[in-house]
């Protein structure tokens, strides 16, 4: 049985990273989808559960 192993060096190959063109990326707007409840909301829920 013959096994083929990929040759790995100590340092990763970063040629693709160094030649990457950031100008080709699209601009996107970040939207927060799941916000954490405020302290007041938590207190209100605690009082309604009791």
PDB file of N, CA and C in Angstrom:
ATOM      1  N   UNK A   1       0.853  -1.178   0.000  1.00  0.00           N
ATOM      2  CA  UNK A   1       0.000   0.000   0.000  1.00  0.00           C
ATOM      3  C   UNK A   1       0.895   1.236   0.000  1.00  0.00           C
ATOM      4  N   UNK A   2       0.621   2.190  -0.887  1.00  0.00           N
ATOM      5  CA  UNK A   2       1.412   3.414  -0.998  1.00  0.00           C
ATOM      6  C   UNK A   2       0.575   4.575  -0.464  1.00  0.00           C
ATOM      7  N   UNK A   3       1.161   5.322   0.461  1.00  0.00           N
ATOM      8  CA  UNK A   3       0.479   6.483   1.031  1.00  0.00           C
ATOM      9  C   UNK A   3       1.116   7.765   0.503  1.00  0.00           C
ATOM     10  N   UNK A   4       0.297   8.719   0.114  1.00  0.00           N
ATOM     11  CA  UNK A   4       0.815  10.007  -0.358  1.00  0.00           C
ATOM     12  C   UNK A   4       0.590  11.046   0.727  1.00  0.00           C
ATOM     13  N   UNK A   5       1.643  11.718   1.114  1.00  0.00           N
ATOM     14  CA  UNK A   5       1.549  12.746   2.143  1.00  0.00           C
ATOM     15  C   UNK A   5       1.841  14.113   1.527  1.00  0.00           C
ATOM     16  N   UNK A   6       1.096  15.094   1.931  1.00  0.00           N
ATOM     17  CA  UNK A   6       1.367  16.461   1.480  1.00  0.00           C
ATOM     18  C   UNK A   6       2.574  16.982   2.239  1.00  0.00           C
ATOM     19  N   UNK A   7       3.438  17.656   1.524  1.00  0.00           N
ATOM     20  CA  UNK A   7       4.625  18.206   2.162  1.00  0.00           C
ATOM     21  C   UNK A   7       4.229  19.492   2.869  1.00  0.00           C
ATOM     22  N   UNK A   8       4.480  19.532   4.174  1.00  0.00           N
ATOM     23  CA  UNK A   8       4.141  20.700   4.969  1.00  0.00           C
ATOM     24  C   UNK A   8       5.416  21.294   5.553  1.00  0.00           C
ATOM     25  N   UNK A   9       5.483  22.586   5.502  1.00  0.00           N
ATOM     26  CA  UNK A   9       6.635  23.244   6.098  1.00  0.00           C
ATOM     27  C   UNK A   9       6.215  23.883   7.413  1.00  0.00           C
ATOM     28  N   UNK A  10       7.185  24.442   8.114  1.00  0.00           N
ATOM     29  CA  UNK A  10       6.882  25.096   9.379  1.00  0.00           C
ATOM     30  C   UNK A  10       6.099  26.389   9.176  1.00  0.00           C
ATOM     31  N   UNK A  11       6.290  27.027   8.030  1.00  0.00           N
ATOM     32  CA  UNK A  11       5.602  28.281   7.744  1.00  0.00           C
ATOM     33  C   UNK A  11       4.556  28.049   6.661  1.00  0.00           C
ATOM     34  N   UNK A  12       3.333  28.562   6.870  1.00  0.00           N
ATOM     35  CA  UNK A  12       2.286  28.377   5.857  1.00  0.00           C
ATOM     36  C   UNK A  12       2.577  29.192   4.596  1.00  0.00           C
ATOM     37  N   UNK A  13       2.019  28.755   3.496  1.00  0.00           N
ATOM     38  CA  UNK A  13       2.166  29.444   2.219  1.00  0.00           C
ATOM     39  C   UNK A  13       1.188  30.620   2.188  1.00  0.00           C
ATOM     40  N   UNK A  14       1.703  31.834   2.174  1.00  0.00           N
ATOM     41  CA  UNK A  14       0.838  33.015   2.218  1.00  0.00           C
ATOM     42  C   UNK A  14       0.875  33.815   0.913  1.00  0.00           C
ATOM     43  N   UNK A  15       1.217  33.173  -0.180  1.00  0.00           N
ATOM     44  CA  UNK A  15       1.291  33.895  -1.449  1.00  0.00           C
ATOM     45  C   UNK A  15      -0.069  34.420  -1.877  1.00  0.00           C
ATOM     46  N   UNK A  16      -1.138  33.657  -1.643  1.00  0.00           N
ATOM     47  CA  UNK A  16      -2.478  34.123  -2.001  1.00  0.00           C
ATOM     48  C   UNK A  16      -2.892  35.319  -1.156  1.00  0.00           C
ATOM     49  N   UNK A  17      -2.481  35.327   0.089  1.00  0.00           N
ATOM     50  CA  UNK A  17      -2.845  36.428   0.982  1.00  0.00           C
ATOM     51  C   UNK A  17      -2.121  37.709   0.570  1.00  0.00           C
ATOM     52  N   UNK A  18      -0.869  37.602   0.215  1.00  0.00           N
ATOM     53  CA  UNK A  18      -0.104  38.794  -0.150  1.00  0.00           C
ATOM     54  C   UNK A  18      -0.539  39.372  -1.489  1.00  0.00           C
ATOM     55  N   UNK A  19      -1.110  38.560  -2.365  1.00  0.00           N
ATOM     56  CA  UNK A  19      -1.540  39.064  -3.675  1.00  0.00           C
ATOM     57  C   UNK A  19      -3.031  39.378  -3.713  1.00  0.00           C
ATOM     58  N   UNK A  20      -3.719  39.294  -2.584  1.00  0.00           N
ATOM     59  CA  UNK A  20      -5.163  39.537  -2.528  1.00  0.00           C
ATOM     60  C   UNK A  20      -5.466  41.018  -2.760  1.00  0.00           C
ATOM     61  N   UNK A  21      -6.452  41.308  -3.585  1.00  0.00           N
ATOM     62  CA  UNK A  21      -6.823  42.682  -3.906  1.00  0.00           C
ATOM     63  C   UNK A  21      -8.064  43.084  -3.113  1.00  0.00           C
ATOM     64  N   UNK A  22      -7.877  43.912  -2.083  1.00  0.00           N
ATOM     65  CA  UNK A  22      -8.990  44.328  -1.233  1.00  0.00           C
ATOM     66  C   UNK A  22      -9.963  45.251  -1.945  1.00  0.00           C
ATOM     67  N   UNK A  23      -9.553  45.872  -3.026  1.00  0.00           N
ATOM     68  CA  UNK A  23     -10.446  46.792  -3.736  1.00  0.00           C
ATOM     69  C   UNK A  23     -11.585  46.066  -4.437  1.00  0.00           C
ATOM     70  N   UNK A  24     -11.463  44.763  -4.621  1.00  0.00           N
ATOM     71  CA  UNK A  24     -12.522  43.987  -5.280  1.00  0.00           C
ATOM     72  C   UNK A  24     -13.634  43.581  -4.312  1.00  0.00           C
ATOM     73  N   UNK A  25     -13.458  43.846  -3.033  1.00  0.00           N
ATOM     74  CA  UNK A  25     -14.481  43.493  -2.058  1.00  0.00           C
ATOM     75  C   UNK A  25     -15.635  44.489  -2.109  1.00  0.00           C
ATOM     76  N   UNK A  26     -16.835  44.010  -1.823  1.00  0.00           N
ATOM     77  CA  UNK A  26     -18.007  44.874  -1.791  1.00  0.00           C
ATOM     78  C   UNK A  26     -18.150  45.478  -0.397  1.00  0.00           C
ATOM     79  N   UNK A  27     -18.671  46.676  -0.333  1.00  0.00           N
ATOM     80  CA  UNK A  27     -18.944  47.325   0.948  1.00  0.00           C
ATOM     81  C   UNK A  27     -20.269  46.802   1.483  1.00  0.00           C
ATOM     82  N   UNK A  28     -20.277  46.380   2.738  1.00  0.00           N
ATOM     83  CA  UNK A  28     -21.513  45.875   3.335  1.00  0.00           C
ATOM     84  C   UNK A  28     -21.799  46.626   4.625  1.00  0.00           C
ATOM     85  N   UNK A  29     -23.050  46.700   4.963  1.00  0.00           N
ATOM     86  CA  UNK A  29     -23.476  47.318   6.204  1.00  0.00           C
ATOM     87  C   UNK A  29     -23.705  46.218   7.239  1.00  0.00           C
ATOM     88  N   UNK A  30     -23.100  46.378   8.389  1.00  0.00           N
ATOM     89  CA  UNK A  30     -23.268  45.402   9.462  1.00  0.00           C
ATOM     90  C   UNK A  30     -24.568  45.696  10.203  1.00  0.00           C
ATOM     91  N   UNK A  31     -25.373  44.657  10.382  1.00  0.00           N
ATOM     92  CA  UNK A  31     -26.632  44.812  11.101  1.00  0.00           C
ATOM     93  C   UNK A  31     -26.647  43.839  12.269  1.00  0.00           C
ATOM     94  N   UNK A  32     -26.878  44.390  13.459  1.00  0.00           N
ATOM     95  CA  UNK A  32     -26.942  43.542  14.649  1.00  0.00           C
ATOM     96  C   UNK A  32     -28.320  42.898  14.694  1.00  0.00           C
ATOM     97  N   UNK A  33     -28.344  41.574  14.744  1.00  0.00           N
ATOM     98  CA  UNK A  33     -29.607  40.857  14.658  1.00  0.00           C
ATOM     99  C   UNK A  33     -30.171  40.462  16.021  1.00  0.00           C
ATOM    100  N   UNK A  34     -29.301  40.133  16.962  1.00  0.00           N
ATOM    101  CA  UNK A  34     -29.774  39.639  18.240  1.00  0.00           C
ATOM    102  C   UNK A  34     -29.142  40.460  19.350  1.00  0.00           C
ATOM    103  N   UNK A  35     -29.844  41.481  19.780  1.00  0.00           N
ATOM    104  CA  UNK A  35     -29.295  42.340  20.824  1.00  0.00           C
ATOM    105  C   UNK A  35     -29.576  41.742  22.193  1.00  0.00           C
ATOM    106  N   UNK A  36     -28.722  42.047  23.132  1.00  0.00           N
ATOM    107  CA  UNK A  36     -28.919  41.575  24.498  1.00  0.00           C
ATOM    108  C   UNK A  36     -29.954  42.454  25.190  1.00  0.00           C
ATOM    109  N   UNK A  37     -30.735  41.877  26.096  1.00  0.00           N
ATOM    110  CA  UNK A  37     -31.736  42.686  26.796  1.00  0.00           C
ATOM    111  C   UNK A  37     -31.069  43.677  27.750  1.00  0.00           C
ATOM    112  N   UNK A  38     -31.739  44.786  27.969  1.00  0.00           N
ATOM    113  CA  UNK A  38     -31.212  45.784  28.895  1.00  0.00           C
ATOM    114  C   UNK A  38     -31.451  45.321  30.327  1.00  0.00           C
ATOM    115  N   UNK A  39     -30.816  46.004  31.254  1.00  0.00           N
ATOM    116  CA  UNK A  39     -30.968  45.659  32.671  1.00  0.00           C
ATOM    117  C   UNK A  39     -32.421  45.846  33.102  1.00  0.00           C
ATOM    118  N   UNK A  40     -33.054  46.882  32.575  1.00  0.00           N
ATOM    119  CA  UNK A  40     -34.453  47.149  32.919  1.00  0.00           C
ATOM    120  C   UNK A  40     -35.371  46.039  32.413  1.00  0.00           C
ATOM    121  N   UNK A  41     -35.107  45.541  31.233  1.00  0.00           N
ATOM    122  CA  UNK A  41     -35.922  44.459  30.673  1.00  0.00           C
ATOM    123  C   UNK A  41     -35.794  43.198  31.513  1.00  0.00           C
ATOM    124  N   UNK A  42     -34.584  42.897  31.948  1.00  0.00           N
ATOM    125  CA  UNK A  42     -34.364  41.712  32.784  1.00  0.00           C
ATOM    126  C   UNK A  42     -35.104  41.847  34.111  1.00  0.00           C
ATOM    127  N   UNK A  43     -35.011  43.013  34.715  1.00  0.00           N
ATOM    128  CA  UNK A  43     -35.708  43.234  35.990  1.00  0.00           C
ATOM    129  C   UNK A  43     -37.223  43.135  35.807  1.00  0.00           C
ATOM    130  N   UNK A  44     -37.726  43.665  34.704  1.00  0.00           N
ATOM    131  CA  UNK A  44     -39.158  43.611  34.443  1.00  0.00           C
ATOM    132  C   UNK A  44     -39.617  42.167  34.265  1.00  0.00           C
ATOM    133  N   UNK A  45     -38.838  41.357  33.572  1.00  0.00           N
ATOM    134  CA  UNK A  45     -39.198  39.956  33.378  1.00  0.00           C
ATOM    135  C   UNK A  45     -39.135  39.185  34.685  1.00  0.00           C
ATOM    136  N   UNK A  46     -38.196  39.521  35.545  1.00  0.00           N
ATOM    137  CA  UNK A  46     -38.104  38.852  36.846  1.00  0.00           C
ATOM    138  C   UNK A  46     -39.337  39.133  37.691  1.00  0.00           C
ATOM    139  N   UNK A  47     -39.809  40.372  37.648  1.00  0.00           N
ATOM    140  CA  UNK A  47     -40.977  40.718  38.475  1.00  0.00           C
ATOM    141  C   UNK A  47     -42.262  40.112  37.913  1.00  0.00           C
ATOM    142  N   UNK A  48     -42.367  39.953  36.610  1.00  0.00           N
ATOM    143  CA  UNK A  48     -43.589  39.373  36.038  1.00  0.00           C
ATOM    144  C   UNK A  48     -43.632  37.862  36.210  1.00  0.00           C
ATOM    145  N   UNK A  49     -42.480  37.212  36.335  1.00  0.00           N
ATOM    146  CA  UNK A  49     -42.452  35.757  36.508  1.00  0.00           C
ATOM    147  C   UNK A  49     -42.814  35.338  37.928  1.00  0.00           C
ATOM    148  N   UNK A  50     -42.562  36.195  38.896  1.00  0.00           N
ATOM    149  CA  UNK A  50     -42.803  35.817  40.300  1.00  0.00           C
ATOM    150  C   UNK A  50     -44.254  35.865  40.674  1.00  0.00           C
TER     151      UNK A  50
END
